[in-house]
């Protein structure tokens, strides 16, 4: 079996015998219901393959679709010239974006047998659309992949991002007036466009990011996984696989796997790793999270406007985390018009929290993870003194100047992230609402309830565990129940007292 990992070209996928999970019924349903579309999805979720598939449909490449659902549903006699723009291939890193666009469109013009005009006042996209329509006598299918990449790549350079935004707005401004020449417009990217203002004049562009027609258009459902990969799944613990890789959703009900991660996992024979995260560590995003004091991204409530209101001049961590795939929709309540967001799965949660903990602990080149593993081992051995020593060692490595004005925030962030990361190895729940202990940790033999105080007392922390009955729900468990009260001193920047009961 050939796994289509990273294959973005539909023709190559079909001709070279890679597995194709048939999404053509979804595609046709969308194409029949409109003409101008925008779709936002995280990286490596299949956006490029989607546009490549649509390209071959409009080009009339029937042979590539033999055996697929759409084979006898599409009018193969009706073809259209296709302009397929892929910003990932444009060389704008060291060139002005306008020059990179002119250079990047040249291969499309050559493929279509069209010669582009030159000059500062020429919009090459408009020129290409009109000339392609004139040459072939049929309207153009315009496909734009990663429309926002020249902005996303410069989120840490607002001046450059603004410059590229203005250039992209100029490029796309001709789309609406080009309607007489266009059969279809389909644009994909990571960020939604409402606040980017690139498409402010294109009011007929339908954003299907949160639309029912696109819920399972990209990504793999559990049913699709079982249908296409039964042999690979035969020896795999399905529950664990779901916890690690399933969970993406754009409505709170349909759950999806990121194709890149799950295919890598299946090809490896079931090896649990952070496949998606390793392809692009979000350094800038992590720095923004720390700057905004944003370390607890679980069960975040959000409006629809916040989910699509991408504004790089005033970045909202929730918006960026959702659009880039680090948070997903867990629940939607229509009555309240509120979405509840959370990490999609263990792969994303573990990876992002690990990198964020590294950022807080000032570990630019090494991982904070060994400390978390040591914490797990100490808890298994009921060695509370070692637990405290591990926590103190982590705090001790934070440079003194970073603590200034950040004492309480650093304290809460580091303890939250360390105990949350424990959940990768043993059951560990970090407080998410009032009335729950700061951390509840279970090993094979013990159940721990931790309560932390800042400049308080260990006895008060222990008393709170008793009075609130944090361990009461586990009275029937044969495991040993252990209450741990911990007091952290802001002046000494370490745990100075703890009590165990």
Protein backbone atom coordinates (compact mmCIF):
# COMPACT_ATOMS: atom_id res chain seq x y z
CA UNK A 1 0.00 0.00 0.00
CA UNK A 2 1.27 3.45 -0.94
CA UNK A 3 0.36 6.08 1.65
CA UNK A 4 -0.26 9.53 0.12
CA UNK A 5 1.76 11.36 2.76
CA UNK A 6 2.47 14.89 1.61
CA UNK A 7 1.15 14.17 -1.92
CA UNK A 8 -0.55 17.37 -3.09
CA UNK A 9 -0.90 16.55 -6.78
CA UNK A 10 -4.06 14.57 -7.59
CA UNK A 11 -2.68 13.38 -10.93
CA UNK A 12 0.49 12.01 -9.34
CA UNK A 13 -1.53 10.40 -6.57
CA UNK A 14 -3.81 8.56 -8.99
CA UNK A 15 -1.25 7.63 -11.64
CA UNK A 16 1.33 6.38 -9.13
CA UNK A 17 -1.14 4.18 -7.25
CA UNK A 18 -1.40 5.97 -3.92
CA UNK A 19 -4.47 5.40 -1.75
CA UNK A 20 -7.11 8.08 -2.36
CA UNK A 21 -9.87 8.54 0.19
CA UNK A 22 -12.74 9.48 -2.13
CA UNK A 23 -13.99 12.99 -1.31
CA UNK A 24 -15.51 13.65 -4.73
CA UNK A 25 -19.13 13.49 -3.55
CA UNK A 26 -18.41 16.30 -1.09
CA UNK A 27 -16.58 18.26 -3.78
CA UNK A 28 -19.41 18.01 -6.30
CA UNK A 29 -22.01 19.05 -3.73
CA UNK A 30 -20.06 22.26 -3.10
CA UNK A 31 -19.33 22.99 -6.76
CA UNK A 32 -23.00 22.64 -7.68
CA UNK A 33 -24.19 25.09 -5.04
CA UNK A 34 -22.13 28.18 -5.90
CA UNK A 35 -19.27 29.79 -7.80
CA UNK A 36 -17.10 31.76 -5.33
CA UNK A 37 -15.65 29.98 -2.31
CA UNK A 38 -13.22 30.53 0.51
CA UNK A 39 -12.07 27.75 2.85
CA UNK A 40 -9.77 28.03 5.84
CA UNK A 41 -8.07 24.97 7.33
CA UNK A 42 -4.81 24.33 9.23
CA UNK A 43 -1.63 23.36 7.42
CA UNK A 44 -1.23 19.82 6.10
CA UNK A 45 -4.96 19.21 6.13
CA UNK A 46 -5.39 18.52 2.41
CA UNK A 47 -6.19 21.98 1.01
CA UNK A 48 -3.64 21.70 -1.80
CA UNK A 49 -4.84 18.24 -2.82
CA UNK A 50 -8.42 19.52 -2.85
CA UNK A 51 -7.60 22.28 -5.33
CA UNK A 52 -5.52 19.90 -7.44
CA UNK A 53 -8.51 17.55 -7.60
CA UNK A 54 -10.83 20.40 -8.65
CA UNK A 55 -8.27 21.43 -11.28
CA UNK A 56 -8.37 17.98 -12.90
CA UNK A 57 -12.19 17.98 -12.85
CA UNK A 58 -12.41 21.22 -14.79
CA UNK A 59 -9.62 20.10 -17.11
CA UNK A 60 -11.74 17.04 -17.99
CA UNK A 61 -9.20 14.43 -16.83
CA UNK A 62 -11.76 11.64 -16.69
CA UNK A 63 -9.24 8.82 -16.59
CA UNK A 64 -7.94 10.04 -13.23
CA UNK A 65 -11.42 9.66 -11.72
CA UNK A 66 -12.14 6.12 -12.86
CA UNK A 67 -13.77 4.16 -10.04
CA UNK A 68 -14.48 7.25 -7.94
CA UNK A 69 -17.96 8.40 -6.94
CA UNK A 70 -17.95 11.37 -9.30
CA UNK A 71 -17.01 9.43 -12.44
CA UNK A 72 -20.56 9.19 -13.80
CA UNK A 73 -21.80 12.41 -12.18
CA UNK A 74 -19.59 14.96 -13.96
CA UNK A 75 -19.96 16.45 -17.44
CA UNK A 76 -16.59 15.50 -18.90
CA UNK A 77 -17.30 17.16 -22.23
CA UNK A 78 -17.50 20.59 -20.61
CA UNK A 79 -13.95 21.71 -19.80
CA UNK A 80 -12.55 25.01 -18.63
CA UNK A 81 -9.10 26.58 -18.61
CA UNK A 82 -7.75 26.46 -15.07
CA UNK A 83 -5.50 29.01 -13.39
CA UNK A 84 -3.93 27.31 -10.39
CA UNK A 85 -1.97 29.69 -8.14
CA UNK A 86 0.22 28.12 -5.44
CA UNK A 87 1.83 30.72 -3.21
CA UNK A 88 4.06 28.12 -1.57
CA UNK A 89 6.05 28.05 -4.83
CA UNK A 90 6.36 31.84 -5.17
CA UNK A 91 9.81 33.27 -4.40
CA UNK A 92 8.87 36.28 -2.29
CA UNK A 93 11.21 35.74 0.66
CA UNK A 94 14.01 37.87 -0.81
CA UNK A 95 12.05 39.65 -3.54
CA UNK A 96 9.28 42.25 -3.64
CA UNK A 97 5.96 40.41 -3.63
CA UNK A 98 4.79 42.04 -6.88
CA UNK A 99 7.87 40.76 -8.71
CA UNK A 100 7.42 37.31 -7.16
CA UNK A 101 3.79 37.22 -8.32
CA UNK A 102 4.74 38.17 -11.89
CA UNK A 103 7.41 35.48 -11.88
CA UNK A 104 5.12 32.94 -10.20
CA UNK A 105 2.29 33.40 -12.71
CA UNK A 106 4.60 33.00 -15.70
CA UNK A 107 4.54 29.16 -15.65
CA UNK A 108 0.71 29.18 -15.54
CA UNK A 109 0.65 31.57 -18.49
CA UNK A 110 3.08 29.36 -20.41
CA UNK A 111 1.02 26.23 -19.64
CA UNK A 112 -2.09 27.95 -21.00
CA UNK A 113 -0.21 29.31 -24.02
CA UNK A 114 -0.73 32.93 -22.98
CA UNK A 115 1.81 35.75 -22.92
CA UNK A 116 1.47 38.16 -20.02
CA UNK A 117 1.84 41.91 -20.47
CA UNK A 118 4.47 43.71 -18.40
CA UNK A 119 4.50 47.02 -16.58
CA UNK A 120 3.89 48.45 -13.12
CA UNK A 121 0.23 49.15 -13.84
CA UNK A 122 -0.58 45.72 -15.20
CA UNK A 123 -2.38 43.31 -12.87
CA UNK A 124 -0.97 39.98 -14.11
CA UNK A 125 -3.88 37.97 -12.69
CA UNK A 126 -6.48 40.05 -14.52
CA UNK A 127 -4.41 39.84 -17.69
CA UNK A 128 -4.13 36.06 -17.40
CA UNK A 129 -7.85 35.54 -16.69
CA UNK A 130 -9.00 37.62 -19.67
CA UNK A 131 -6.49 36.13 -22.12
CA UNK A 132 -7.22 32.54 -21.03
CA UNK A 133 -10.95 33.13 -21.52
CA UNK A 134 -10.37 34.67 -24.93
CA UNK A 135 -8.07 31.88 -26.10
CA UNK A 136 -10.21 28.91 -25.02
CA UNK A 137 -13.65 30.46 -25.41
CA UNK A 138 -14.66 29.12 -22.02
CA UNK A 139 -14.72 30.78 -18.63
CA UNK A 140 -11.78 30.27 -16.28
CA UNK A 141 -11.66 28.21 -13.08
CA UNK A 142 -9.48 30.22 -10.69
CA UNK A 143 -7.89 28.26 -7.84
CA UNK A 144 -5.72 30.04 -5.28
CA UNK A 145 -3.86 27.90 -2.74
CA UNK A 146 -2.43 29.44 0.46
CA UNK A 147 -3.63 32.90 -0.51
CA UNK A 148 -2.35 34.30 2.81
CA UNK A 149 1.12 32.72 2.96
CA UNK A 150 2.98 35.99 2.25
CA UNK A 151 1.25 37.40 5.35
CA UNK A 152 1.43 34.34 7.63
CA UNK A 153 5.18 34.04 6.98
CA UNK A 154 5.71 37.56 8.33
CA UNK A 155 3.50 37.69 11.43
CA UNK A 156 6.58 38.68 13.43
CA UNK A 157 7.24 41.60 11.06
CA UNK A 158 4.10 43.74 10.99
CA UNK A 159 5.54 46.27 8.51
CA UNK A 160 6.34 43.52 5.98
CA UNK A 161 3.01 41.79 6.61
CA UNK A 162 1.15 45.05 5.94
CA UNK A 163 3.14 45.62 2.76
CA UNK A 164 2.32 42.11 1.51
CA UNK A 165 -1.33 42.50 2.50
CA UNK A 166 -1.63 45.62 0.39
CA UNK A 167 -0.01 43.86 -2.55
CA UNK A 168 -2.37 40.89 -2.22
CA UNK A 169 -5.37 43.20 -1.99
CA UNK A 170 -4.22 44.81 -5.25
CA UNK A 171 -3.82 41.38 -6.85
CA UNK A 172 -7.22 40.06 -5.76
CA UNK A 173 -9.11 43.33 -6.28
CA UNK A 174 -9.79 42.46 -9.92
CA UNK A 175 -11.63 39.21 -9.15
CA UNK A 176 -15.08 40.74 -8.71
CA UNK A 177 -14.92 42.73 -11.96
CA UNK A 178 -13.60 39.62 -13.74
CA UNK A 179 -16.86 37.78 -13.10
CA UNK A 180 -17.79 37.62 -16.84
CA UNK A 181 -14.60 35.61 -17.37
CA UNK A 182 -14.87 33.27 -14.36
CA UNK A 183 -16.59 29.89 -14.03
CA UNK A 184 -15.34 29.23 -10.49
CA UNK A 185 -13.23 30.88 -7.80
CA UNK A 186 -11.94 28.69 -4.97
CA UNK A 187 -9.50 30.17 -2.46
CA UNK A 188 -7.87 28.36 0.45
CA UNK A 189 -5.62 29.45 3.29
CA UNK A 190 -4.93 29.16 6.99
CA UNK A 191 -6.34 32.49 8.13
CA UNK A 192 -9.93 33.62 7.60
CA UNK A 193 -10.22 36.87 5.75
CA UNK A 194 -12.78 39.03 7.52
CA UNK A 195 -10.31 41.32 9.25
CA UNK A 196 -7.44 40.91 6.83
CA UNK A 197 -9.50 43.03 4.43
CA UNK A 198 -7.87 41.48 1.39
CA UNK A 199 -11.27 40.56 -0.06
CA UNK A 200 -13.19 43.60 1.17
CA UNK A 201 -14.57 44.24 -2.32
CA UNK A 202 -15.41 40.61 -3.07
CA UNK A 203 -18.81 40.41 -1.32
CA UNK A 204 -19.92 37.34 -3.27
CA UNK A 205 -17.13 35.17 -1.86
CA UNK A 206 -18.76 32.54 0.36
CA UNK A 207 -16.76 31.52 3.41
CA UNK A 208 -17.48 27.80 3.93
CA UNK A 209 -14.97 27.36 6.78
CA UNK A 210 -17.77 26.66 9.30
CA UNK A 211 -20.39 25.55 6.77
CA UNK A 212 -22.00 22.06 6.91
CA UNK A 213 -20.85 21.34 3.34
CA UNK A 214 -17.22 21.50 4.50
CA UNK A 215 -17.42 19.72 7.86
CA UNK A 216 -15.81 16.53 6.51
CA UNK A 217 -14.56 17.82 3.15
CA UNK A 218 -10.97 17.65 4.41
CA UNK A 219 -9.51 15.36 7.04
CA UNK A 220 -10.37 11.70 7.61
CA UNK A 221 -13.37 10.40 9.54
CA UNK A 222 -13.22 7.21 11.61
CA UNK A 223 -15.48 5.51 9.06
CA UNK A 224 -13.18 6.47 6.18
CA UNK A 225 -10.15 5.25 8.11
CA UNK A 226 -11.77 1.86 8.74
CA UNK A 227 -12.92 1.55 5.12
CA UNK A 228 -9.58 2.31 3.48
CA UNK A 229 -7.05 0.99 6.03
CA UNK A 230 -8.57 -2.13 7.68
CA UNK A 231 -5.33 -4.14 7.68
CA UNK A 232 -3.33 -1.37 9.32
CA UNK A 233 -5.98 -0.90 12.03
CA UNK A 234 -6.31 -4.59 12.85
CA UNK A 235 -3.58 -4.57 15.52
CA UNK A 236 -3.97 -1.01 16.80
CA UNK A 237 -5.65 0.12 20.03
CA UNK A 238 -8.42 2.25 18.49
CA UNK A 239 -9.23 4.14 21.69
CA UNK A 240 -5.63 5.23 22.18
CA UNK A 241 -5.26 6.13 18.50
CA UNK A 242 -8.36 8.34 18.69
CA UNK A 243 -7.09 10.08 21.81
CA UNK A 244 -3.79 10.83 20.11
CA UNK A 245 -4.83 11.81 16.59
CA UNK A 246 -8.61 12.20 16.23
CA UNK A 247 -10.64 15.21 17.35
CA UNK A 248 -10.55 18.03 14.81
CA UNK A 249 -14.01 19.51 14.29
CA UNK A 250 -15.62 22.54 12.71
CA UNK A 251 -19.07 21.97 14.20
CA UNK A 252 -18.44 20.21 17.51
CA UNK A 253 -19.94 16.91 16.30
CA UNK A 254 -18.02 15.51 13.33
CA UNK A 255 -14.53 14.42 14.45
CA UNK A 256 -11.61 14.18 12.06
CA UNK A 257 -8.02 13.03 11.85
CA UNK A 258 -5.36 15.27 10.38
CA UNK A 259 -4.41 13.25 7.25
CA UNK A 260 -0.68 13.90 7.62
CA UNK A 261 -0.48 12.63 11.20
CA UNK A 262 -2.73 9.59 10.91
CA UNK A 263 -1.15 8.39 7.66
CA UNK A 264 2.33 8.72 9.15
CA UNK A 265 1.10 6.83 12.21
CA UNK A 266 -0.40 3.99 10.15
CA UNK A 267 2.64 3.74 7.89
CA UNK A 268 4.90 3.46 10.95
CA UNK A 269 2.92 0.45 12.15
CA UNK A 270 1.39 2.34 15.06
CA UNK A 271 4.28 4.37 16.48
CA UNK A 272 3.01 7.27 18.60
CA UNK A 273 4.86 10.46 17.73
CA UNK A 274 4.14 14.14 17.18
CA UNK A 275 4.08 13.94 13.39
CA UNK A 276 2.16 17.11 12.54
CA UNK A 277 3.85 19.33 15.08
CA UNK A 278 7.39 18.38 14.07
CA UNK A 279 6.84 19.82 10.58
CA UNK A 280 6.49 23.39 11.86
CA UNK A 281 7.19 24.44 15.44
CA UNK A 282 5.18 27.64 16.01
CA UNK A 283 7.96 29.74 17.59
CA UNK A 284 6.20 33.04 16.96
CA UNK A 285 2.86 31.72 18.22
CA UNK A 286 4.41 30.43 21.45
CA UNK A 287 6.09 33.78 22.10
CA UNK A 288 2.75 35.52 21.50
CA UNK A 289 1.03 33.17 23.96
CA UNK A 290 3.54 33.99 26.66
CA UNK A 291 3.34 37.71 25.90
CA UNK A 292 -0.45 37.56 26.33
CA UNK A 293 -0.09 35.38 29.49
CA UNK A 294 -2.01 32.67 27.70
CA UNK A 295 -1.03 29.21 28.91
CA UNK A 296 -4.35 27.45 29.66
CA UNK A 297 -5.99 26.90 26.27
CA UNK A 298 -8.47 24.23 27.38
CA UNK A 299 -12.25 24.73 27.23
CA UNK A 300 -12.07 28.28 25.88
CA UNK A 301 -15.37 29.94 24.97
CA UNK A 302 -15.51 31.96 21.77
CA UNK A 303 -17.91 33.69 19.41
CA UNK A 304 -17.98 32.94 15.68
CA UNK A 305 -16.64 36.42 15.01
CA UNK A 306 -13.59 35.67 17.14
CA UNK A 307 -12.96 32.43 15.25
CA UNK A 308 -12.74 34.15 11.87
CA UNK A 309 -11.62 37.67 12.83
CA UNK A 310 -7.94 37.33 11.93
CA UNK A 311 -6.17 40.66 12.45
CA UNK A 312 -2.38 40.42 12.33
CA UNK A 313 -1.99 43.96 13.69
CA UNK A 314 -3.75 42.94 16.91
CA UNK A 315 -3.43 39.19 17.16
CA UNK A 316 -5.92 37.37 19.38
CA UNK A 317 -4.28 34.14 20.63
CA UNK A 318 -7.61 32.27 20.53
CA UNK A 319 -8.20 33.22 16.89
CA UNK A 320 -4.68 32.25 15.85
CA UNK A 321 -4.71 28.97 17.80
CA UNK A 322 -8.02 27.97 16.19
CA UNK A 323 -7.13 28.90 12.64
CA UNK A 324 -3.71 27.27 12.79
CA UNK A 325 -5.12 24.01 14.19
CA UNK A 326 -3.93 24.05 17.81
CA UNK A 327 -7.50 24.45 19.05
CA UNK A 328 -10.67 23.02 17.56
CA UNK A 329 -14.41 23.19 18.21
CA UNK A 330 -15.53 20.84 20.96
CA UNK A 331 -19.09 22.12 21.30
CA UNK A 332 -21.41 24.70 19.80
CA UNK A 333 -24.54 26.01 21.54
CA UNK A 334 -26.77 27.73 18.93
CA UNK A 335 -28.95 29.31 21.60
CA UNK A 336 -25.94 31.13 23.06
CA UNK A 337 -24.05 31.52 19.77
CA UNK A 338 -21.00 30.27 21.66
CA UNK A 339 -18.30 27.82 20.65
CA UNK A 340 -16.22 25.88 23.17
CA UNK A 341 -12.67 25.26 21.97
CA UNK A 342 -10.09 22.76 23.17
CA UNK A 343 -7.02 20.90 21.98
CA UNK A 344 -8.09 18.45 19.26
CA UNK A 345 -6.02 15.57 20.59
CA UNK A 346 -3.03 14.43 22.64
CA UNK A 347 -0.57 14.98 19.81
CA UNK A 348 -1.33 18.69 19.60
CA UNK A 349 -1.81 19.23 23.33
CA UNK A 350 1.39 17.47 24.32
CA UNK A 351 3.46 19.19 21.62
CA UNK A 352 2.23 22.73 22.18
CA UNK A 353 2.37 22.53 25.97
CA UNK A 354 5.90 21.11 25.82
CA UNK A 355 7.14 23.96 23.61
CA UNK A 356 5.29 26.50 25.76
CA UNK A 357 6.84 25.08 28.94
CA UNK A 358 10.27 25.30 27.27
CA UNK A 359 9.52 28.97 26.59
CA UNK A 360 8.59 29.66 30.21
CA UNK A 361 11.57 27.76 31.58
CA UNK A 362 13.90 29.50 29.12
CA UNK A 363 14.96 26.26 27.43
CA UNK A 364 15.75 27.38 23.87
CA UNK A 365 17.75 24.30 22.92
CA UNK A 366 16.65 21.55 25.26
CA UNK A 367 13.39 20.02 26.31
CA UNK A 368 11.55 20.48 29.59
CA UNK A 369 10.05 17.03 29.07
CA UNK A 370 12.68 15.11 31.12
CA UNK A 371 11.49 17.02 34.19
CA UNK A 372 7.90 15.93 33.53
CA UNK A 373 9.00 12.29 33.17
CA UNK A 374 10.98 12.60 36.43
CA UNK A 375 7.86 14.04 38.07
CA UNK A 376 5.85 11.02 36.93
CA UNK A 377 8.47 8.61 38.31
CA UNK A 378 8.52 10.37 41.68
CA UNK A 379 4.73 10.21 41.93
CA UNK A 380 4.75 6.49 41.11
CA UNK A 381 7.20 5.97 43.97
CA UNK A 382 5.22 8.22 46.36
CA UNK A 383 8.31 10.38 46.77
CA UNK A 384 6.81 13.82 47.51
CA UNK A 385 10.19 15.25 48.48
CA UNK A 386 11.46 14.43 44.99
CA UNK A 387 8.31 15.97 43.47
CA UNK A 388 9.04 19.24 45.28
CA UNK A 389 12.72 19.10 44.30
CA UNK A 390 11.80 18.69 40.62
CA UNK A 391 9.40 21.65 40.75
CA UNK A 392 11.97 23.81 42.51
CA UNK A 393 14.70 22.84 40.06
CA UNK A 394 12.48 23.97 37.19
CA UNK A 395 11.77 27.35 38.80
CA UNK A 396 15.45 27.80 39.73
CA UNK A 397 16.49 27.80 36.09
CA UNK A 398 14.27 30.74 35.16
CA UNK A 399 16.50 33.85 34.98
CA UNK A 400 15.75 36.34 37.74
CA UNK A 401 14.98 39.20 35.35
CA UNK A 402 12.11 37.22 33.81
CA UNK A 403 10.33 37.06 37.16
CA UNK A 404 9.97 40.84 37.49
CA UNK A 405 6.29 41.72 37.47
CA UNK A 406 5.49 38.16 36.37
CA UNK A 407 5.72 36.25 39.63
CA UNK A 408 2.16 34.98 39.95
CA UNK A 409 1.80 34.39 36.21
CA UNK A 410 5.05 32.38 35.95
CA UNK A 411 4.14 30.35 39.01
CA UNK A 412 0.68 29.40 37.72
CA UNK A 413 1.85 28.82 34.14
CA UNK A 414 4.74 26.50 34.98
CA UNK A 415 2.82 24.39 37.52
CA UNK A 416 -0.19 24.16 35.18
CA UNK A 417 1.91 23.09 32.19
CA UNK A 418 4.00 20.55 34.11
CA UNK A 419 1.01 18.77 35.62
CA UNK A 420 -0.99 18.98 32.39
CA UNK A 421 1.89 17.37 30.47
CA UNK A 422 1.83 14.55 33.01
CA UNK A 423 -1.42 13.52 31.33
CA UNK A 424 0.60 12.12 28.45
CA UNK A 425 2.03 9.43 30.71
CA UNK A 426 -0.44 8.98 33.58
CA UNK A 427 -3.89 10.33 34.32
CA UNK A 428 -3.48 13.94 35.37
CA UNK A 429 -6.23 16.56 35.43
CA UNK A 430 -5.43 20.21 36.00
CA UNK A 431 -8.06 22.47 37.52
CA UNK A 432 -10.34 24.02 34.92
CA UNK A 433 -13.16 25.39 37.12
CA UNK A 434 -13.84 26.48 40.67
CA UNK A 435 -14.43 23.69 43.13
CA UNK A 436 -11.73 21.35 41.85
CA UNK A 437 -8.27 20.83 43.25
CA UNK A 438 -5.31 22.36 41.45
CA UNK A 439 -4.15 18.96 40.17
CA UNK A 440 -5.53 15.45 40.47
CA UNK A 441 -3.02 12.76 39.51
CA UNK A 442 -3.49 9.00 39.35
CA UNK A 443 -0.81 6.34 39.11
CA UNK A 444 -1.35 2.57 39.19
CA UNK A 445 -1.34 2.59 43.00
CA UNK A 446 -2.07 6.16 44.14
CA UNK A 447 -4.50 9.06 43.70
CA UNK A 448 -3.02 12.46 44.53
CA UNK A 449 -4.90 15.69 45.17
CA UNK A 450 -2.56 18.71 44.95
CA UNK A 451 -3.48 22.17 46.20
CA UNK A 452 -0.98 25.00 45.69
CA UNK A 453 -0.79 28.27 47.60
CA UNK A 454 1.24 31.34 46.72
CA UNK A 455 2.58 33.05 49.86
CA UNK A 456 0.07 31.13 51.98
CA UNK A 457 0.59 27.95 53.97
CA UNK A 458 0.74 24.25 53.26
CA UNK A 459 -1.70 23.61 56.11
CA UNK A 460 -4.33 25.88 54.52
CA UNK A 461 -3.86 24.07 51.22
CA UNK A 462 -4.32 20.71 52.95
CA UNK A 463 -7.36 22.01 54.82
CA UNK A 464 -8.95 23.05 51.52
CA UNK A 465 -8.54 19.53 50.14
CA UNK A 466 -10.32 18.16 53.22
CA UNK A 467 -13.12 20.72 53.33
CA UNK A 468 -13.85 20.59 49.59
CA UNK A 469 -13.72 16.79 49.56
CA UNK A 470 -11.51 16.62 46.49
CA UNK A 471 -10.72 12.94 47.07
CA UNK A 472 -14.28 11.92 48.11
CA UNK A 473 -15.33 10.79 44.60
CA UNK A 474 -12.59 8.15 44.76
CA UNK A 475 -13.57 6.64 48.12
CA UNK A 476 -14.41 3.29 46.49
CA UNK A 477 -11.06 3.05 44.69
CA UNK A 478 -8.57 0.55 46.14
CA UNK A 479 -5.77 3.01 45.36
CA UNK A 480 -4.11 4.90 48.19
CA UNK A 481 -5.46 8.46 48.43
CA UNK A 482 -2.89 11.17 49.15
CA UNK A 483 -3.54 14.86 49.82
CA UNK A 484 -0.62 17.23 49.21
CA UNK A 485 -0.66 20.88 50.32
CA UNK A 486 2.08 23.02 48.79
CA UNK A 487 3.13 26.61 49.56
CA UNK A 488 5.23 28.62 47.12
CA UNK A 489 7.17 31.69 48.27
CA UNK A 490 7.28 34.63 45.86
CA UNK A 491 10.31 36.12 47.62
CA UNK A 492 12.35 32.89 47.47
CA UNK A 493 10.86 31.78 44.12
CA UNK A 494 10.45 28.18 45.23
CA UNK A 495 8.30 25.77 47.21
CA UNK A 496 9.18 26.41 50.85
CA UNK A 497 6.65 24.19 52.61
CA UNK A 498 4.54 21.14 51.88
CA UNK A 499 2.40 18.77 53.90
CA UNK A 500 1.11 15.32 53.08
CA UNK A 501 -1.89 13.49 54.47
